[in-house]
Amino acid sequence: MAIVCPLFSGSRGNSYYIGSRESGILLDAGRSARQIGKMLERCRIPMEAVKGIFITHEHADHIQGLRVLASKYHLPVFASAGTLQKLQQDGCLSGEFLAEEIPWGGLDFAGMSFQPFPTSHDSAESVGYRIDTLDGAQIGFATDLGMVTPEVTAHLERCKMVVLESNHDVGMLQNGSYPYPLKRRILSEQGHLSNEACAGCLPKLVETGTSQILLAHLSEENNTPDVARQTALCSLQMAGWEEHRHFQLLTA
């Protein structure tokens, strides 16, 4: 299966490399171009391997390095129509690169097939992606979503690997220092997925063939990798699935 390398994941920035060591794409560019380049180097992936950038939505922690990175390396940028319109309005597409709408019917690029699907988030037109790799495996990617809709579930089922948001522990968030309006936004159906909501989806995914799970976009203040992992693990074990036998569970 293709390499899935979480370069950055969390409230301060998000970016993933997906592909082989010779050819692949960046999924989001939420840190500076310099930071992304250094992290690719640490992962032993040459910058020349990056053939394009796919964007989930226009929030800063997903597009911070987009304009500089795409301009410097002349990388095409792909996103939904609504996201492209917002990026254009914000001046993020004013560089020396192509920006293209990814059709709902999907797009073939860099030896992979990308199928976008809508996610529930307070942005212009956020999407997740189902990615078919060269070796026939499927990767499902869904972060920044306040709830898992039937359409999201349908696109994640039968994926060998799923990258799914496990943003916050509800108790930690409610008792934490965030102002009330921000807490309300995060907890809304257009906010972020809690550990409990994420965990509730996982048994069904494993039942349909998912064997690798990566918990992503963890909050630094309202979550910990251990809390997120234990919540997911408990849900899977209660459903009768065994770690290392039926699935692998990691946190980004």
Protein backbone atom coordinates (compact mmCIF):
# COMPACT_ATOMS: atom_id res chain seq x y z
CA MET A 1 0.00 0.00 0.00
CA ALA A 2 1.10 3.58 -0.54
CA ILE A 3 2.98 5.42 2.20
CA VAL A 4 0.76 7.53 4.45
CA CYS A 5 3.02 9.91 6.33
CA PRO A 6 1.43 12.37 8.80
CA LEU A 7 3.84 15.30 8.56
CA PHE A 8 1.73 17.44 10.91
CA SER A 9 -1.58 16.74 12.63
CA GLY A 10 -3.40 18.90 15.15
CA SER A 11 -4.66 22.37 15.91
CA ARG A 12 -1.40 24.07 14.88
CA GLY A 13 -1.30 22.59 11.39
CA ASN A 14 -2.13 19.58 9.24
CA SER A 15 -0.37 18.00 6.29
CA TYR A 16 0.00 14.42 5.07
CA TYR A 17 2.08 12.85 2.34
CA ILE A 18 0.40 10.01 0.45
CA GLY A 19 2.07 8.00 -2.31
CA SER A 20 5.38 6.26 -2.93
CA ARG A 21 8.84 7.65 -2.21
CA GLU A 22 9.05 8.58 -5.89
CA SER A 23 5.60 10.07 -6.53
CA GLY A 24 2.75 11.28 -4.36
CA ILE A 25 0.72 14.22 -3.11
CA LEU A 26 0.30 16.42 -0.08
CA LEU A 27 -3.09 16.31 1.57
CA ASP A 28 -3.37 19.81 3.05
CA ALA A 29 -0.49 22.23 3.63
CA GLY A 30 -1.19 23.66 7.07
CA ARG A 31 2.33 24.57 8.11
CA SER A 32 4.91 26.77 6.43
CA ALA A 33 6.52 25.60 3.20
CA ARG A 34 9.85 25.41 5.01
CA GLN A 35 8.46 23.26 7.82
CA ILE A 36 6.74 20.90 5.39
CA GLY A 37 9.93 20.56 3.34
CA LYS A 38 11.97 19.76 6.45
CA MET A 39 9.48 17.15 7.60
CA LEU A 40 9.47 15.49 4.18
CA GLU A 41 13.26 15.37 4.39
CA ARG A 42 13.06 13.73 7.83
CA CYS A 43 10.72 11.14 6.31
CA ARG A 44 13.25 10.56 3.49
CA ILE A 45 10.81 11.79 0.85
CA PRO A 46 12.34 14.17 -1.70
CA MET A 47 10.40 17.33 -2.48
CA GLU A 48 10.48 16.29 -6.14
CA ALA A 49 8.20 13.39 -5.28
CA VAL A 50 5.33 15.78 -4.50
CA LYS A 51 3.25 16.18 -7.66
CA GLY A 52 0.32 18.20 -6.29
CA ILE A 53 -1.62 19.40 -3.25
CA PHE A 54 -5.15 18.32 -2.35
CA ILE A 55 -7.01 20.56 0.11
CA THR A 56 -9.82 19.53 2.45
CA HIS A 57 -10.96 23.08 3.34
CA GLU A 58 -9.74 26.65 3.70
CA HIS A 59 -9.06 27.00 7.44
CA ALA A 60 -5.58 28.28 8.27
CA ASP A 61 -4.35 25.09 9.92
CA HIS A 62 -4.83 23.34 6.55
CA ILE A 63 -3.58 25.94 4.04
CA GLN A 64 -0.93 28.05 5.83
CA GLY A 65 1.90 27.00 3.51
CA LEU A 66 -0.20 26.48 0.39
CA ARG A 67 0.55 29.59 -1.68
CA VAL A 68 4.31 29.62 -1.05
CA LEU A 69 4.72 25.87 -1.48
CA ALA A 70 2.62 25.65 -4.67
CA SER A 71 4.30 28.72 -6.17
CA LYS A 72 7.85 27.69 -5.37
CA TYR A 73 7.49 24.19 -6.82
CA HIS A 74 4.74 24.94 -9.38
CA LEU A 75 2.43 22.35 -7.87
CA PRO A 76 -1.21 22.09 -8.99
CA VAL A 77 -3.77 22.56 -6.24
CA PHE A 78 -7.04 20.61 -6.09
CA ALA A 79 -10.08 21.36 -3.93
CA SER A 80 -13.86 21.60 -4.02
CA ALA A 81 -15.49 24.49 -5.89
CA GLY A 82 -16.55 26.20 -2.66
CA THR A 83 -13.09 25.90 -1.13
CA LEU A 84 -11.42 27.26 -4.27
CA GLN A 85 -13.77 30.24 -4.31
CA LYS A 86 -12.94 31.05 -0.67
CA LEU A 87 -9.21 30.60 -1.28
CA GLN A 88 -9.46 32.96 -4.24
CA GLN A 89 -11.28 35.57 -2.15
CA ASP A 90 -8.62 35.33 0.54
CA GLY A 91 -5.74 35.75 -1.93
CA CYS A 92 -4.35 32.27 -1.38
CA LEU A 93 -4.39 31.40 -5.09
CA SER A 94 -2.41 34.45 -6.23
CA GLY A 95 0.70 32.50 -7.13
CA GLU A 96 2.40 30.76 -10.01
CA PHE A 97 0.44 27.52 -9.94
CA LEU A 98 -2.74 25.96 -11.27
CA ALA A 99 -5.82 25.59 -9.08
CA GLU A 100 -8.41 23.07 -10.23
CA GLU A 101 -11.80 21.95 -8.96
CA ILE A 102 -11.90 18.28 -8.12
CA PRO A 103 -15.14 16.83 -9.52
CA TRP A 104 -17.48 14.86 -7.29
CA GLY A 105 -17.04 11.99 -9.72
CA GLY A 106 -13.37 11.74 -8.78
CA LEU A 107 -9.99 12.47 -10.29
CA ASP A 108 -6.98 10.38 -11.33
CA PHE A 109 -3.65 11.97 -10.41
CA ALA A 110 -0.10 10.82 -9.61
CA GLY A 111 -1.05 7.19 -10.20
CA MET A 112 -3.93 7.30 -7.70
CA SER A 113 -7.67 7.93 -7.83
CA PHE A 114 -9.20 10.57 -5.54
CA GLN A 115 -12.90 10.51 -4.67
CA PRO A 116 -14.03 13.51 -2.63
CA PHE A 117 -17.04 13.42 -0.33
CA PRO A 118 -18.67 16.22 1.72
CA THR A 119 -17.98 16.58 5.43
CA SER A 120 -19.94 18.50 8.06
CA HIS A 121 -17.74 21.45 9.07
CA ASP A 122 -18.10 25.23 9.38
CA SER A 123 -16.25 26.00 6.18
CA ALA A 124 -17.15 26.87 2.59
CA GLU A 125 -17.27 23.29 1.22
CA SER A 126 -15.09 20.89 3.17
CA VAL A 127 -14.39 17.39 1.90
CA GLY A 128 -12.81 14.11 2.87
CA TYR A 129 -11.14 11.80 0.38
CA ARG A 130 -11.27 8.15 -0.55
CA ILE A 131 -8.03 7.29 -2.31
CA ASP A 132 -7.36 4.25 -4.47
CA THR A 133 -3.65 3.49 -4.67
CA LEU A 134 -1.62 1.82 -7.41
CA ASP A 135 -1.61 -1.53 -5.58
CA GLY A 136 -5.39 -1.62 -5.34
CA ALA A 137 -5.71 -0.61 -1.69
CA GLN A 138 -8.10 2.09 -0.48
CA ILE A 139 -7.35 4.86 2.02
CA GLY A 140 -10.18 6.82 3.66
CA PHE A 141 -9.42 10.28 5.02
CA ALA A 142 -11.87 12.34 7.09
CA THR A 143 -10.88 15.06 9.57
CA ASP A 144 -12.58 18.31 10.62
CA LEU A 145 -16.13 17.05 10.80
CA GLY A 146 -18.69 17.64 13.50
CA MET A 147 -20.48 14.38 12.81
CA VAL A 148 -20.09 11.24 10.75
CA THR A 149 -22.87 11.29 8.18
CA PRO A 150 -24.07 8.18 6.30
CA GLU A 151 -22.24 9.50 3.23
CA VAL A 152 -18.96 9.73 5.15
CA THR A 153 -19.45 6.20 6.48
CA ALA A 154 -20.18 4.87 2.99
CA HIS A 155 -16.90 6.28 1.67
CA LEU A 156 -14.82 5.01 4.60
CA GLU A 157 -16.21 1.48 4.64
CA ARG A 158 -14.07 -1.18 2.95
CA CYS A 159 -11.00 1.05 3.06
CA LYS A 160 -7.94 -0.87 4.19
CA MET A 161 -6.67 2.21 6.03
CA VAL A 162 -8.77 4.97 7.59
CA VAL A 163 -7.47 8.31 8.88
CA LEU A 164 -10.24 9.66 11.10
CA GLU A 165 -10.48 12.69 13.37
CA SER A 166 -10.43 12.07 17.12
CA ASN A 167 -10.19 15.68 18.16
CA HIS A 168 -11.23 16.02 21.79
CA ASP A 169 -12.38 14.40 24.98
CA VAL A 170 -15.77 15.97 25.74
CA GLY A 171 -15.12 16.20 29.50
CA MET A 172 -11.71 17.82 29.01
CA LEU A 173 -13.20 20.32 26.57
CA GLN A 174 -16.19 21.23 28.75
CA ASN A 175 -13.99 21.72 31.83
CA GLY A 176 -11.12 23.38 29.99
CA SER A 177 -10.10 26.98 29.47
CA TYR A 178 -11.62 27.57 26.03
CA PRO A 179 -14.23 30.36 25.92
CA TYR A 180 -17.83 29.17 25.77
CA PRO A 181 -18.46 30.16 22.10
CA LEU A 182 -15.44 28.14 20.99
CA LYS A 183 -16.52 25.13 23.06
CA ARG A 184 -19.97 25.38 21.51
CA ARG A 185 -18.50 25.53 18.00
CA ILE A 186 -16.27 22.49 18.54
CA LEU A 187 -19.13 20.45 20.00
CA SER A 188 -21.56 21.37 17.20
CA GLU A 189 -22.46 19.23 14.20
CA GLN A 190 -20.22 21.52 12.12
CA GLY A 191 -17.31 21.38 14.54
CA HIS A 192 -14.87 18.61 15.37
CA LEU A 193 -15.30 14.91 16.08
CA SER A 194 -14.93 13.80 19.70
CA ASN A 195 -13.05 10.70 20.82
CA GLU A 196 -16.36 9.03 21.64
CA ALA A 197 -17.94 9.81 18.26
CA CYS A 198 -14.85 8.60 16.45
CA ALA A 199 -14.66 5.42 18.53
CA GLY A 200 -18.30 4.63 17.84
CA CYS A 201 -17.59 4.42 14.09
CA LEU A 202 -14.61 2.12 14.24
CA PRO A 203 -16.15 -1.34 14.87
CA LYS A 204 -18.26 -1.06 11.72
CA LEU A 205 -15.22 -0.03 9.69
CA VAL A 206 -13.20 -3.00 10.92
CA GLU A 207 -16.15 -5.24 10.13
CA THR A 208 -16.08 -4.02 6.52
CA GLY A 209 -12.34 -4.59 6.09
CA THR A 210 -10.41 -1.73 7.69
CA SER A 211 -7.24 -3.09 9.26
CA GLN A 212 -5.23 0.11 9.84
CA ILE A 213 -6.63 3.06 11.80
CA LEU A 214 -4.89 6.39 12.31
CA LEU A 215 -6.50 8.79 14.80
CA ALA A 216 -5.88 12.34 13.61
CA HIS A 217 -6.28 16.05 14.39
CA LEU A 218 -5.98 15.57 18.17
CA SER A 219 -6.41 18.73 20.23
CA GLU A 220 -3.32 19.65 22.23
CA GLU A 221 -5.37 21.13 25.10
CA ASN A 222 -8.49 18.96 25.15
CA ASN A 223 -7.06 15.53 24.38
CA THR A 224 -4.01 13.30 24.68
CA PRO A 225 -2.84 10.50 22.39
CA ASP A 226 -3.37 7.98 25.20
CA VAL A 227 -6.93 9.13 25.96
CA ALA A 228 -7.88 9.08 22.27
CA ARG A 229 -6.32 5.68 21.74
CA GLN A 230 -7.86 4.08 24.82
CA THR A 231 -11.33 5.37 23.89
CA ALA A 232 -11.02 3.88 20.42
CA LEU A 233 -9.49 0.65 21.69
CA CYS A 234 -12.26 0.13 24.26
CA SER A 235 -14.95 0.52 21.58
CA LEU A 236 -13.23 -1.97 19.28
CA GLN A 237 -12.59 -4.53 22.02
CA MET A 238 -16.18 -4.32 23.26
CA ALA A 239 -17.27 -5.17 19.71
CA GLY A 240 -15.08 -8.28 19.77
CA TRP A 241 -12.15 -7.08 17.68
CA GLU A 242 -8.58 -7.76 18.82
CA GLU A 243 -5.68 -5.38 18.30
CA HIS A 244 -2.81 -6.78 16.19
CA ARG A 245 -5.08 -9.61 15.09
CA HIS A 246 -7.89 -7.67 13.42
CA PHE A 247 -6.53 -4.11 13.32
CA GLN A 248 -3.63 -1.78 14.01
CA LEU A 249 -4.38 1.45 15.89
CA LEU A 250 -2.10 4.49 15.81
CA THR A 251 -2.35 8.20 16.65
CA ALA A 252 -0.99 11.00 14.47
